[in-house]
Amino acid sequence: GAAPVTIGRAAENTLVLDDDYVSGRHARLYPHEGAWVVEDLGSTN
């Protein structure tokens, strides 16, 4: 929709991944000018 999608191990993320190689707040997808943008949030891996 219009809201960003956060991905990571922490429970507050939109998509919670139970993976040892995923950080608590790993990545974010957000809409920008009609397209979706993916951004790494300073993850370790």
PDB file of all heavy atoms in Angstrom:
ATOM      1  N   GLY A   1       0.849  -1.182   0.000  1.00  0.00           N
ATOM      2  CA  GLY A   1       0.000   0.000   0.000  1.00  0.00           C
ATOM      3  C   GLY A   1       0.885   1.232   0.000  1.00  0.00           C
ATOM      4  O   GLY A   1       1.911   1.271  -0.669  1.00  0.00           O
ATOM      5  N   ALA A   2       0.510   2.219   0.792  1.00  0.00           N
ATOM      6  CA  ALA A   2       1.303   3.445   0.870  1.00  0.00           C
ATOM      7  C   ALA A   2       2.328   3.380   1.992  1.00  0.00           C
ATOM      8  O   ALA A   2       3.253   4.177   2.037  1.00  0.00           O
ATOM      9  CB  ALA A   2       0.391   4.644   1.082  1.00  0.00           C
ATOM     10  N   ALA A   3       2.186   2.420   2.905  1.00  0.00           N
ATOM     11  CA  ALA A   3       3.080   2.325   4.061  1.00  0.00           C
ATOM     12  C   ALA A   3       4.344   1.553   3.699  1.00  0.00           C
ATOM     13  O   ALA A   3       4.306   0.620   2.897  1.00  0.00           O
ATOM     14  CB  ALA A   3       2.365   1.631   5.206  1.00  0.00           C
ATOM     15  N   PRO A   4       5.469   1.914   4.304  1.00  0.00           N
ATOM     16  CA  PRO A   4       6.699   1.166   4.061  1.00  0.00           C
ATOM     17  C   PRO A   4       6.623  -0.227   4.688  1.00  0.00           C
ATOM     18  O   PRO A   4       5.857  -0.462   5.619  1.00  0.00           O
ATOM     19  CB  PRO A   4       7.788   2.009   4.731  1.00  0.00           C
ATOM     20  CG  PRO A   4       7.082   2.891   5.671  1.00  0.00           C
ATOM     21  CD  PRO A   4       5.684   3.065   5.172  1.00  0.00           C
ATOM     22  N   VAL A   5       7.420  -1.145   4.165  1.00  0.00           N
ATOM     23  CA  VAL A   5       7.496  -2.509   4.675  1.00  0.00           C
ATOM     24  C   VAL A   5       8.886  -2.673   5.290  1.00  0.00           C
ATOM     25  O   VAL A   5       9.886  -2.496   4.609  1.00  0.00           O
ATOM     26  CB  VAL A   5       7.296  -3.536   3.534  1.00  0.00           C
ATOM     27  CG1 VAL A   5       7.484  -4.950   4.044  1.00  0.00           C
ATOM     28  CG2 VAL A   5       5.931  -3.368   2.893  1.00  0.00           C
ATOM     29  N   THR A   6       8.933  -3.006   6.581  1.00  0.00           N
ATOM     30  CA  THR A   6      10.218  -3.249   7.232  1.00  0.00           C
ATOM     31  C   THR A   6      10.427  -4.748   7.373  1.00  0.00           C
ATOM     32  O   THR A   6       9.468  -5.505   7.570  1.00  0.00           O
ATOM     33  CB  THR A   6      10.285  -2.585   8.616  1.00  0.00           C
ATOM     34  OG1 THR A   6       9.200  -3.056   9.414  1.00  0.00           O
ATOM     35  CG2 THR A   6      10.237  -1.075   8.503  1.00  0.00           C
ATOM     36  N   ILE A   7      11.692  -5.159   7.276  1.00  0.00           N
ATOM     37  CA  ILE A   7      12.038  -6.572   7.294  1.00  0.00           C
ATOM     38  C   ILE A   7      13.160  -6.769   8.304  1.00  0.00           C
ATOM     39  O   ILE A   7      14.127  -6.007   8.314  1.00  0.00           O
ATOM     40  CB  ILE A   7      12.499  -7.038   5.902  1.00  0.00           C
ATOM     41  CG1 ILE A   7      11.403  -6.750   4.870  1.00  0.00           C
ATOM     42  CG2 ILE A   7      12.861  -8.511   5.907  1.00  0.00           C
ATOM     43  CD1 ILE A   7      11.858  -6.832   3.440  1.00  0.00           C
ATOM     44  N   GLY A   8      13.033  -7.789   9.153  1.00  0.00           N
ATOM     45  CA  GLY A   8      14.072  -8.091  10.123  1.00  0.00           C
ATOM     46  C   GLY A   8      13.607  -9.126  11.123  1.00  0.00           C
ATOM     47  O   GLY A   8      12.524  -9.693  10.999  1.00  0.00           O
ATOM     48  N   ARG A   9      14.456  -9.372  12.132  1.00  0.00           N
ATOM     49  CA  ARG A   9      14.133 -10.360  13.159  1.00  0.00           C
ATOM     50  C   ARG A   9      13.256  -9.801  14.264  1.00  0.00           C
ATOM     51  O   ARG A   9      12.581 -10.550  14.958  1.00  0.00           O
ATOM     52  CB  ARG A   9      15.423 -10.888  13.802  1.00  0.00           C
ATOM     53  CG  ARG A   9      16.001 -12.035  13.075  1.00  0.00           C
ATOM     54  CD  ARG A   9      17.016 -12.760  13.886  1.00  0.00           C
ATOM     55  NE  ARG A   9      17.906 -11.877  14.610  1.00  0.00           N
ATOM     56  CZ  ARG A   9      19.142 -12.176  14.910  1.00  0.00           C
ATOM     57  NH1 ARG A   9      19.646 -13.315  14.548  1.00  0.00           N
ATOM     58  NH2 ARG A   9      19.892 -11.326  15.574  1.00  0.00           N
ATOM     59  N   ALA A  10      13.287  -8.502  14.502  1.00  0.00           N
ATOM     60  CA  ALA A  10      12.528  -7.903  15.601  1.00  0.00           C
ATOM     61  C   ALA A  10      11.023  -8.014  15.344  1.00  0.00           C
ATOM     62  O   ALA A  10      10.569  -7.969  14.195  1.00  0.00           O
ATOM     63  CB  ALA A  10      12.925  -6.442  15.779  1.00  0.00           C
ATOM     64  N   ALA A  11      10.268  -8.129  16.420  1.00  0.00           N
ATOM     65  CA  ALA A  11       8.822  -8.352  16.322  1.00  0.00           C
ATOM     66  C   ALA A  11       8.066  -7.172  15.714  1.00  0.00           C
ATOM     67  O   ALA A  11       6.981  -7.350  15.179  1.00  0.00           O
ATOM     68  CB  ALA A  11       8.252  -8.657  17.701  1.00  0.00           C
ATOM     69  N   GLU A  12       8.625  -5.956  15.773  1.00  0.00           N
ATOM     70  CA  GLU A  12       7.888  -4.789  15.263  1.00  0.00           C
ATOM     71  C   GLU A  12       7.944  -4.659  13.742  1.00  0.00           C
ATOM     72  O   GLU A  12       7.329  -3.772  13.178  1.00  0.00           O
ATOM     73  CB  GLU A  12       8.405  -3.499  15.908  1.00  0.00           C
ATOM     74  CG  GLU A  12       9.753  -3.069  15.400  1.00  0.00           C
ATOM     75  CD  GLU A  12      10.856  -3.187  16.435  1.00  0.00           C
ATOM     76  OE1 GLU A  12      10.623  -3.750  17.493  1.00  0.00           O
ATOM     77  OE2 GLU A  12      11.945  -2.700  16.155  1.00  0.00           O
ATOM     78  N   ASN A  13       8.685  -5.509  13.043  1.00  0.00           N
ATOM     79  CA  ASN A  13       8.795  -5.438  11.587  1.00  0.00           C
ATOM     80  C   ASN A  13       7.525  -5.944  10.917  1.00  0.00           C
ATOM     81  O   ASN A  13       6.796  -6.768  11.475  1.00  0.00           O
ATOM     82  CB  ASN A  13       9.988  -6.265  11.107  1.00  0.00           C
ATOM     83  CG  ASN A  13      11.293  -5.629  11.493  1.00  0.00           C
ATOM     84  OD1 ASN A  13      11.559  -4.491  11.143  1.00  0.00           O
ATOM     85  ND2 ASN A  13      12.106  -6.352  12.233  1.00  0.00           N
ATOM     86  N   THR A  14       7.297  -5.473   9.693  1.00  0.00           N
ATOM     87  CA  THR A  14       6.162  -5.952   8.907  1.00  0.00           C
ATOM     88  C   THR A  14       6.362  -7.418   8.527  1.00  0.00           C
ATOM     89  O   THR A  14       5.441  -8.219   8.623  1.00  0.00           O
ATOM     90  CB  THR A  14       6.019  -5.108   7.619  1.00  0.00           C
ATOM     91  OG1 THR A  14       6.028  -3.729   7.965  1.00  0.00           O
ATOM     92  CG2 THR A  14       4.742  -5.453   6.888  1.00  0.00           C
ATOM     93  N   LEU A  15       7.577  -7.767   8.091  1.00  0.00           N
ATOM     94  CA  LEU A  15       7.927  -9.149   7.749  1.00  0.00           C
ATOM     95  C   LEU A  15       9.015  -9.590   8.719  1.00  0.00           C
ATOM     96  O   LEU A  15      10.140  -9.091   8.674  1.00  0.00           O
ATOM     97  CB  LEU A  15       8.412  -9.255   6.301  1.00  0.00           C
ATOM     98  CG  LEU A  15       8.873 -10.630   5.829  1.00  0.00           C
ATOM     99  CD1 LEU A  15       7.745 -11.653   5.939  1.00  0.00           C
ATOM    100  CD2 LEU A  15       9.378 -10.560   4.399  1.00  0.00           C
ATOM    101  N   VAL A  16       8.668 -10.502   9.624  1.00  0.00           N
ATOM    102  CA  VAL A  16       9.609 -10.988  10.629  1.00  0.00           C
ATOM    103  C   VAL A  16      10.242 -12.272  10.101  1.00  0.00           C
ATOM    104  O   VAL A  16       9.544 -13.228   9.764  1.00  0.00           O
ATOM    105  CB  VAL A  16       8.906 -11.242  11.974  1.00  0.00           C
ATOM    106  CG1 VAL A  16       9.878 -11.789  13.000  1.00  0.00           C
ATOM    107  CG2 VAL A  16       8.258  -9.970  12.477  1.00  0.00           C
ATOM    108  N   LEU A  17      11.588 -12.275  10.001  1.00  0.00           N
ATOM    109  CA  LEU A  17      12.327 -13.434   9.510  1.00  0.00           C
ATOM    110  C   LEU A  17      13.122 -14.051  10.652  1.00  0.00           C
ATOM    111  O   LEU A  17      13.901 -13.361  11.311  1.00  0.00           O
ATOM    112  CB  LEU A  17      13.278 -13.027   8.383  1.00  0.00           C
ATOM    113  CG  LEU A  17      12.634 -12.397   7.153  1.00  0.00           C
ATOM    114  CD1 LEU A  17      13.698 -11.955   6.175  1.00  0.00           C
ATOM    115  CD2 LEU A  17      11.670 -13.370   6.493  1.00  0.00           C
ATOM    116  N   ASP A  18      12.921 -15.339  10.893  1.00  0.00           N
ATOM    117  CA  ASP A  18      13.668 -16.048  11.927  1.00  0.00           C
ATOM    118  C   ASP A  18      14.892 -16.671  11.260  1.00  0.00           C
ATOM    119  O   ASP A  18      14.864 -17.816  10.819  1.00  0.00           O
ATOM    120  CB  ASP A  18      12.776 -17.119  12.568  1.00  0.00           C
ATOM    121  CG  ASP A  18      13.458 -17.783  13.740  1.00  0.00           C
ATOM    122  OD1 ASP A  18      14.341 -17.153  14.355  1.00  0.00           O
ATOM    123  OD2 ASP A  18      13.122 -18.943  14.035  1.00  0.00           O
ATOM    124  N   ASP A  19      15.949 -15.887  11.155  1.00  0.00           N
ATOM    125  CA  ASP A  19      17.151 -16.287  10.423  1.00  0.00           C
ATOM    126  C   ASP A  19      18.358 -15.682  11.140  1.00  0.00           C
ATOM    127  O   ASP A  19      18.349 -14.502  11.489  1.00  0.00           O
ATOM    128  CB  ASP A  19      17.047 -15.739   8.989  1.00  0.00           C
ATOM    129  CG  ASP A  19      18.170 -16.182   8.076  1.00  0.00           C
ATOM    130  OD1 ASP A  19      19.193 -16.683   8.564  1.00  0.00           O
ATOM    131  OD2 ASP A  19      18.019 -16.009   6.857  1.00  0.00           O
ATOM    132  N   ASP A  20      19.375 -16.496  11.379  1.00  0.00           N
ATOM    133  CA  ASP A  20      20.564 -16.007  12.085  1.00  0.00           C
ATOM    134  C   ASP A  20      21.330 -14.957  11.300  1.00  0.00           C
ATOM    135  O   ASP A  20      22.136 -14.227  11.865  1.00  0.00           O
ATOM    136  CB  ASP A  20      21.499 -17.171  12.410  1.00  0.00           C
ATOM    137  CG  ASP A  20      20.896 -18.110  13.440  1.00  0.00           C
ATOM    138  OD1 ASP A  20      20.021 -17.651  14.207  1.00  0.00           O
ATOM    139  OD2 ASP A  20      21.291 -19.289  13.481  1.00  0.00           O
ATOM    140  N   TYR A  21      21.128 -14.868  10.002  1.00  0.00           N
ATOM    141  CA  TYR A  21      21.850 -13.916   9.160  1.00  0.00           C
ATOM    142  C   TYR A  21      21.081 -12.617   8.937  1.00  0.00           C
ATOM    143  O   TYR A  21      21.485 -11.794   8.139  1.00  0.00           O
ATOM    144  CB  TYR A  21      22.190 -14.553   7.810  1.00  0.00           C
ATOM    145  CG  TYR A  21      23.092 -15.750   7.959  1.00  0.00           C
ATOM    146  CD1 TYR A  21      22.597 -17.039   7.878  1.00  0.00           C
ATOM    147  CD2 TYR A  21      24.444 -15.582   8.212  1.00  0.00           C
ATOM    148  CE1 TYR A  21      23.419 -18.133   8.036  1.00  0.00           C
ATOM    149  CE2 TYR A  21      25.283 -16.669   8.372  1.00  0.00           C
ATOM    150  CZ  TYR A  21      24.763 -17.945   8.280  1.00  0.00           C
ATOM    151  OH  TYR A  21      25.583 -19.015   8.447  1.00  0.00           O
ATOM    152  N   VAL A  22      19.960 -12.442   9.625  1.00  0.00           N
ATOM    153  CA  VAL A  22      19.117 -11.260   9.478  1.00  0.00           C
ATOM    154  C   VAL A  22      19.221 -10.423  10.752  1.00  0.00           C
ATOM    155  O   VAL A  22      19.145 -10.950  11.855  1.00  0.00           O
ATOM    156  CB  VAL A  22      17.646 -11.657   9.216  1.00  0.00           C
ATOM    157  CG1 VAL A  22      16.745 -10.446   9.169  1.00  0.00           C
ATOM    158  CG2 VAL A  22      17.548 -12.438   7.919  1.00  0.00           C
ATOM    159  N   SER A  23      19.394  -9.112  10.602  1.00  0.00           N
ATOM    160  CA  SER A  23      19.486  -8.198  11.738  1.00  0.00           C
ATOM    161  C   SER A  23      18.096  -7.891  12.291  1.00  0.00           C
ATOM    162  O   SER A  23      17.082  -8.191  11.655  1.00  0.00           O
ATOM    163  CB  SER A  23      20.157  -6.890  11.301  1.00  0.00           C
ATOM    164  OG  SER A  23      21.468  -7.134  10.857  1.00  0.00           O
ATOM    165  N   GLY A  24      18.064  -7.252  13.453  1.00  0.00           N
ATOM    166  CA  GLY A  24      16.788  -6.889  14.082  1.00  0.00           C
ATOM    167  C   GLY A  24      15.951  -5.997  13.185  1.00  0.00           C
ATOM    168  O   GLY A  24      14.767  -6.222  12.975  1.00  0.00           O
ATOM    169  N   ARG A  25      16.552  -4.952  12.644  1.00  0.00           N
ATOM    170  CA  ARG A  25      15.928  -4.090  11.620  1.00  0.00           C
ATOM    171  C   ARG A  25      16.872  -4.133  10.438  1.00  0.00           C
ATOM    172  O   ARG A  25      17.844  -3.408  10.400  1.00  0.00           O
ATOM    173  CB  ARG A  25      15.742  -2.664  12.143  1.00  0.00           C
ATOM    174  CG  ARG A  25      14.611  -2.542  13.131  1.00  0.00           C
ATOM    175  CD  ARG A  25      14.347  -1.131  13.573  1.00  0.00           C
ATOM    176  NE  ARG A  25      14.404  -0.121  12.535  1.00  0.00           N
ATOM    177  CZ  ARG A  25      13.376   0.266  11.766  1.00  0.00           C
ATOM    178  NH1 ARG A  25      12.210  -0.300  11.935  1.00  0.00           N
ATOM    179  NH2 ARG A  25      13.514   1.210  10.879  1.00  0.00           N
ATOM    180  N   HIS A  26      16.585  -4.981   9.485  1.00  0.00           N
ATOM    181  CA  HIS A  26      17.521  -5.295   8.413  1.00  0.00           C
ATOM    182  C   HIS A  26      17.347  -4.406   7.188  1.00  0.00           C
ATOM    183  O   HIS A  26      18.291  -3.787   6.723  1.00  0.00           O
ATOM    184  CB  HIS A  26      17.367  -6.764   8.018  1.00  0.00           C
ATOM    185  CG  HIS A  26      18.495  -7.289   7.204  1.00  0.00           C
ATOM    186  ND1 HIS A  26      19.485  -8.062   7.741  1.00  0.00           N
ATOM    187  CD2 HIS A  26      18.802  -7.141   5.895  1.00  0.00           C
ATOM    188  CE1 HIS A  26      20.356  -8.362   6.800  1.00  0.00           C
ATOM    189  NE2 HIS A  26      19.952  -7.820   5.673  1.00  0.00           N
ATOM    190  N   ALA A  27      16.139  -4.351   6.660  1.00  0.00           N
ATOM    191  CA  ALA A  27      15.898  -3.608   5.408  1.00  0.00           C
ATOM    192  C   ALA A  27      14.508  -3.006   5.425  1.00  0.00           C
ATOM    193  O   ALA A  27      13.662  -3.361   6.239  1.00  0.00           O
ATOM    194  CB  ALA A  27      16.067  -4.534   4.205  1.00  0.00           C
ATOM    195  N   ARG A  28      14.310  -2.089   4.474  1.00  0.00           N
ATOM    196  CA  ARG A  28      13.012  -1.406   4.357  1.00  0.00           C
ATOM    197  C   ARG A  28      12.688  -1.224   2.890  1.00  0.00           C
ATOM    198  O   ARG A  28      13.562  -0.906   2.089  1.00  0.00           O
ATOM    199  CB  ARG A  28      13.108  -0.058   5.056  1.00  0.00           C
ATOM    200  CG  ARG A  28      11.890   0.809   4.929  1.00  0.00           C
ATOM    201  CD  ARG A  28      12.010   2.043   5.757  1.00  0.00           C
ATOM    202  NE  ARG A  28      12.995   2.954   5.191  1.00  0.00           N
ATOM    203  CZ  ARG A  28      12.809   4.257   5.027  1.00  0.00           C
ATOM    204  NH1 ARG A  28      11.691   4.803   5.413  1.00  0.00           N
ATOM    205  NH2 ARG A  28      13.733   5.006   4.508  1.00  0.00           N
ATOM    206  N   LEU A  29      11.425  -1.427   2.526  1.00  0.00           N
ATOM    207  CA  LEU A  29      10.907  -1.129   1.192  1.00  0.00           C
ATOM    208  C   LEU A  29       9.898  -0.011   1.364  1.00  0.00           C
ATOM    209  O   LEU A  29       9.043  -0.074   2.250  1.00  0.00           O
ATOM    210  CB  LEU A  29      10.195  -2.334   0.585  1.00  0.00           C
ATOM    211  CG  LEU A  29      11.044  -3.350  -0.163  1.00  0.00           C
ATOM    212  CD1 LEU A  29      11.839  -4.173   0.796  1.00  0.00           C
ATOM    213  CD2 LEU A  29      10.170  -4.211  -1.014  1.00  0.00           C
ATOM    214  N   TYR A  30       9.988   1.012   0.514  1.00  0.00           N
ATOM    215  CA  TYR A  30       9.044   2.117   0.623  1.00  0.00           C
ATOM    216  C   TYR A  30       8.725   2.658  -0.770  1.00  0.00           C
ATOM    217  O   TYR A  30       9.545   2.599  -1.671  1.00  0.00           O
ATOM    218  CB  TYR A  30       9.584   3.227   1.529  1.00  0.00           C
ATOM    219  CG  TYR A  30      10.888   3.834   1.092  1.00  0.00           C
ATOM    220  CD1 TYR A  30      10.929   4.959   0.278  1.00  0.00           C
ATOM    221  CD2 TYR A  30      12.100   3.282   1.484  1.00  0.00           C
ATOM    222  CE1 TYR A  30      12.128   5.527  -0.118  1.00  0.00           C
ATOM    223  CE2 TYR A  30      13.309   3.835   1.090  1.00  0.00           C
ATOM    224  CZ  TYR A  30      13.313   4.949   0.295  1.00  0.00           C
ATOM    225  OH  TYR A  30      14.497   5.503  -0.111  1.00  0.00           O
ATOM    226  N   PRO A  31       7.490   3.176  -0.939  1.00  0.00           N
ATOM    227  CA  PRO A  31       7.116   3.738  -2.239  1.00  0.00           C
ATOM    228  C   PRO A  31       7.721   5.121  -2.418  1.00  0.00           C
ATOM    229  O   PRO A  31       7.776   5.914  -1.480  1.00  0.00           O
ATOM    230  CB  PRO A  31       5.585   3.806  -2.169  1.00  0.00           C
ATOM    231  CG  PRO A  31       5.276   3.887  -0.719  1.00  0.00           C
ATOM    232  CD  PRO A  31       6.367   3.168   0.009  1.00  0.00           C
ATOM    233  N   HIS A  32       8.194   5.389  -3.635  1.00  0.00           N
ATOM    234  CA  HIS A  32       8.767   6.695  -3.952  1.00  0.00           C
ATOM    235  C   HIS A  32       8.529   6.979  -5.425  1.00  0.00           C
ATOM    236  O   HIS A  32       9.039   6.258  -6.290  1.00  0.00           O
ATOM    237  CB  HIS A  32      10.261   6.724  -3.631  1.00  0.00           C
ATOM    238  CG  HIS A  32      10.911   8.043  -3.929  1.00  0.00           C
ATOM    239  ND1 HIS A  32      10.664   9.165  -3.169  1.00  0.00           N
ATOM    240  CD2 HIS A  32      11.784   8.415  -4.888  1.00  0.00           C
ATOM    241  CE1 HIS A  32      11.373  10.168  -3.657  1.00  0.00           C
ATOM    242  NE2 HIS A  32      12.053   9.741  -4.704  1.00  0.00           N
ATOM    243  N   GLU A  33       7.718   7.989  -5.705  1.00  0.00           N
ATOM    244  CA  GLU A  33       7.427   8.429  -7.072  1.00  0.00           C
ATOM    245  C   GLU A  33       6.963   7.282  -7.967  1.00  0.00           C
ATOM    246  O   GLU A  33       7.451   7.091  -9.072  1.00  0.00           O
ATOM    247  CB  GLU A  33       8.642   9.129  -7.677  1.00  0.00           C
ATOM    248  CG  GLU A  33       9.019  10.400  -6.947  1.00  0.00           C
ATOM    249  CD  GLU A  33      10.232  11.086  -7.545  1.00  0.00           C
ATOM    250  OE1 GLU A  33      10.794  10.584  -8.529  1.00  0.00           O
ATOM    251  OE2 GLU A  33      10.611  12.143  -7.002  1.00  0.00           O
ATOM    252  N   GLY A  34       6.017   6.489  -7.461  1.00  0.00           N
ATOM    253  CA  GLY A  34       5.423   5.433  -8.267  1.00  0.00           C
ATOM    254  C   GLY A  34       6.228   4.151  -8.344  1.00  0.00           C
ATOM    255  O   GLY A  34       5.829   3.208  -9.010  1.00  0.00           O
ATOM    256  N   ALA A  35       7.365   4.075  -7.681  1.00  0.00           N
ATOM    257  CA  ALA A  35       8.187   2.862  -7.687  1.00  0.00           C
ATOM    258  C   ALA A  35       8.481   2.464  -6.245  1.00  0.00           C
ATOM    259  O   ALA A  35       8.308   3.267  -5.318  1.00  0.00           O
ATOM    260  CB  ALA A  35       9.482   3.105  -8.441  1.00  0.00           C
ATOM    261  N   TRP A  36       8.931   1.231  -6.044  1.00  0.00           N
ATOM    262  CA  TRP A  36       9.318   0.767  -4.723  1.00  0.00           C
ATOM    263  C   TRP A  36      10.832   0.812  -4.612  1.00  0.00           C
ATOM    264  O   TRP A  36      11.542   0.413  -5.526  1.00  0.00           O
ATOM    265  CB  TRP A  36       8.790  -0.640  -4.469  1.00  0.00           C
ATOM    266  CG  TRP A  36       7.335  -0.603  -4.145  1.00  0.00           C
ATOM    267  CD1 TRP A  36       6.306  -0.643  -5.027  1.00  0.00           C
ATOM    268  CD2 TRP A  36       6.766  -0.438  -2.859  1.00  0.00           C
ATOM    269  NE1 TRP A  36       5.117  -0.519  -4.361  1.00  0.00           N
ATOM    270  CE2 TRP A  36       5.369  -0.409  -3.029  1.00  0.00           C
ATOM    271  CE3 TRP A  36       7.279  -0.333  -1.572  1.00  0.00           C
ATOM    272  CZ2 TRP A  36       4.493  -0.269  -1.958  1.00  0.00           C
ATOM    273  CZ3 TRP A  36       6.405  -0.204  -0.503  1.00  0.00           C
ATOM    274  CH2 TRP A  36       5.020  -0.173  -0.711  1.00  0.00           C
ATOM    275  N   VAL A  37      11.296   1.311  -3.483  1.00  0.00           N
ATOM    276  CA  VAL A  37      12.729   1.460  -3.226  1.00  0.00           C
ATOM    277  C   VAL A  37      13.098   0.529  -2.081  1.00  0.00           C
ATOM    278  O   VAL A  37      12.373   0.432  -1.089  1.00  0.00           O
ATOM    279  CB  VAL A  37      13.067   2.921  -2.857  1.00  0.00           C
ATOM    280  CG1 VAL A  37      14.531   3.078  -2.503  1.00  0.00           C
ATOM    281  CG2 VAL A  37      12.685   3.852  -3.997  1.00  0.00           C
ATOM    282  N   VAL A  38      14.234  -0.174  -2.214  1.00  0.00           N
ATOM    283  CA  VAL A  38      14.731  -1.045  -1.155  1.00  0.00           C
ATOM    284  C   VAL A  38      15.961  -0.385  -0.541  1.00  0.00           C
ATOM    285  O   VAL A  38      16.797   0.172  -1.253  1.00  0.00           O
ATOM    286  CB  VAL A  38      15.032  -2.474  -1.668  1.00  0.00           C
ATOM    287  CG1 VAL A  38      16.120  -2.472  -2.719  1.00  0.00           C
ATOM    288  CG2 VAL A  38      15.418  -3.390  -0.526  1.00  0.00           C
ATOM    289  N   GLU A  39      16.028  -0.426   0.792  1.00  0.00           N
ATOM    290  CA  GLU A  39      17.117   0.226   1.522  1.00  0.00           C
ATOM    291  C   GLU A  39      17.607  -0.701   2.624  1.00  0.00           C
ATOM    292  O   GLU A  39      16.807  -1.251   3.380  1.00  0.00           O
ATOM    293  CB  GLU A  39      16.596   1.529   2.122  1.00  0.00           C
ATOM    294  CG  GLU A  39      17.568   2.225   3.029  1.00  0.00           C
ATOM    295  CD  GLU A  39      16.965   3.458   3.689  1.00  0.00           C
ATOM    296  OE1 GLU A  39      15.731   3.571   3.768  1.00  0.00           O
ATOM    297  OE2 GLU A  39      17.760   4.300   4.141  1.00  0.00           O
ATOM    298  N   ASP A  40      18.910  -0.884   2.722  1.00  0.00           N
ATOM    299  CA  ASP A  40      19.511  -1.633   3.815  1.00  0.00           C
ATOM    300  C   ASP A  40      19.603  -0.691   5.016  1.00  0.00           C
ATOM    301  O   ASP A  40      20.016   0.456   4.877  1.00  0.00           O
ATOM    302  CB  ASP A  40      20.898  -2.139   3.415  1.00  0.00           C
ATOM    303  CG  ASP A  40      21.501  -3.014   4.487  1.00  0.00           C
ATOM    304  OD1 ASP A  40      21.109  -4.189   4.572  1.00  0.00           O
ATOM    305  OD2 ASP A  40      22.351  -2.511   5.253  1.00  0.00           O
ATOM    306  N   LEU A  41      19.213  -1.160   6.196  1.00  0.00           N
ATOM    307  CA  LEU A  41      19.191  -0.312   7.385  1.00  0.00           C
ATOM    308  C   LEU A  41      20.428  -0.520   8.254  1.00  0.00           C
ATOM    309  O   LEU A  41      20.344  -0.526   9.479  1.00  0.00           O
ATOM    310  CB  LEU A  41      17.914  -0.582   8.195  1.00  0.00           C
ATOM    311  CG  LEU A  41      16.614  -0.279   7.480  1.00  0.00           C
ATOM    312  CD1 LEU A  41      15.414  -0.682   8.324  1.00  0.00           C
ATOM    313  CD2 LEU A  41      16.542   1.198   7.112  1.00  0.00           C
ATOM    314  N   GLY A  42      21.581  -0.690   7.622  1.00  0.00           N
ATOM    315  CA  GLY A  42      22.820  -0.863   8.370  1.00  0.00           C
ATOM    316  C   GLY A  42      22.968  -2.261   8.933  1.00  0.00           C
ATOM    317  O   GLY A  42      23.531  -2.448  10.009  1.00  0.00           O
ATOM    318  N   SER A  43      22.482  -3.252   8.213  1.00  0.00           N
ATOM    319  CA  SER A  43      22.542  -4.628   8.688  1.00  0.00           C
ATOM    320  C   SER A  43      23.977  -5.152   8.687  1.00  0.00           C
ATOM    321  O   SER A  43      24.846  -4.639   7.988  1.00  0.00           O
ATOM    322  CB  SER A  43      21.669  -5.528   7.807  1.00  0.00           C
ATOM    323  OG  SER A  43      22.191  -5.560   6.498  1.00  0.00           O
ATOM    324  N   THR A  44      24.200  -6.185   9.472  1.00  0.00           N
ATOM    325  CA  THR A  44      25.532  -6.776   9.572  1.00  0.00           C
ATOM    326  C   THR A  44      25.904  -7.535   8.307  1.00  0.00           C
ATOM    327  O   THR A  44      27.020  -7.404   7.801  1.00  0.00           O
ATOM    328  CB  THR A  44      25.578  -7.729  10.782  1.00  0.00           C
ATOM    329  OG1 THR A  44      25.197  -6.996  11.939  1.00  0.00           O
ATOM    330  CG2 THR A  44      26.975  -8.299  10.970  1.00  0.00           C
ATOM    331  N   ASN A  45      24.990  -8.337   7.779  1.00  0.00           N
ATOM    332  CA  ASN A  45      25.295  -9.196   6.635  1.00  0.00           C
ATOM    333  C   ASN A  45      24.872  -8.633   5.288  1.00  0.00           C
ATOM    334  O   ASN A  45      25.115  -9.248   4.265  1.00  0.00           O
ATOM    335  CB  ASN A  45      24.665 -10.577   6.844  1.00  0.00           C
ATOM    336  CG  ASN A  45      25.293 -11.286   8.016  1.00  0.00           C
ATOM    337  OD1 ASN A  45      26.510 -11.364   8.114  1.00  0.00           O
ATOM    338  ND2 ASN A  45      24.474 -11.777   8.920  1.00  0.00           N
TER     339      ASN A  45
END
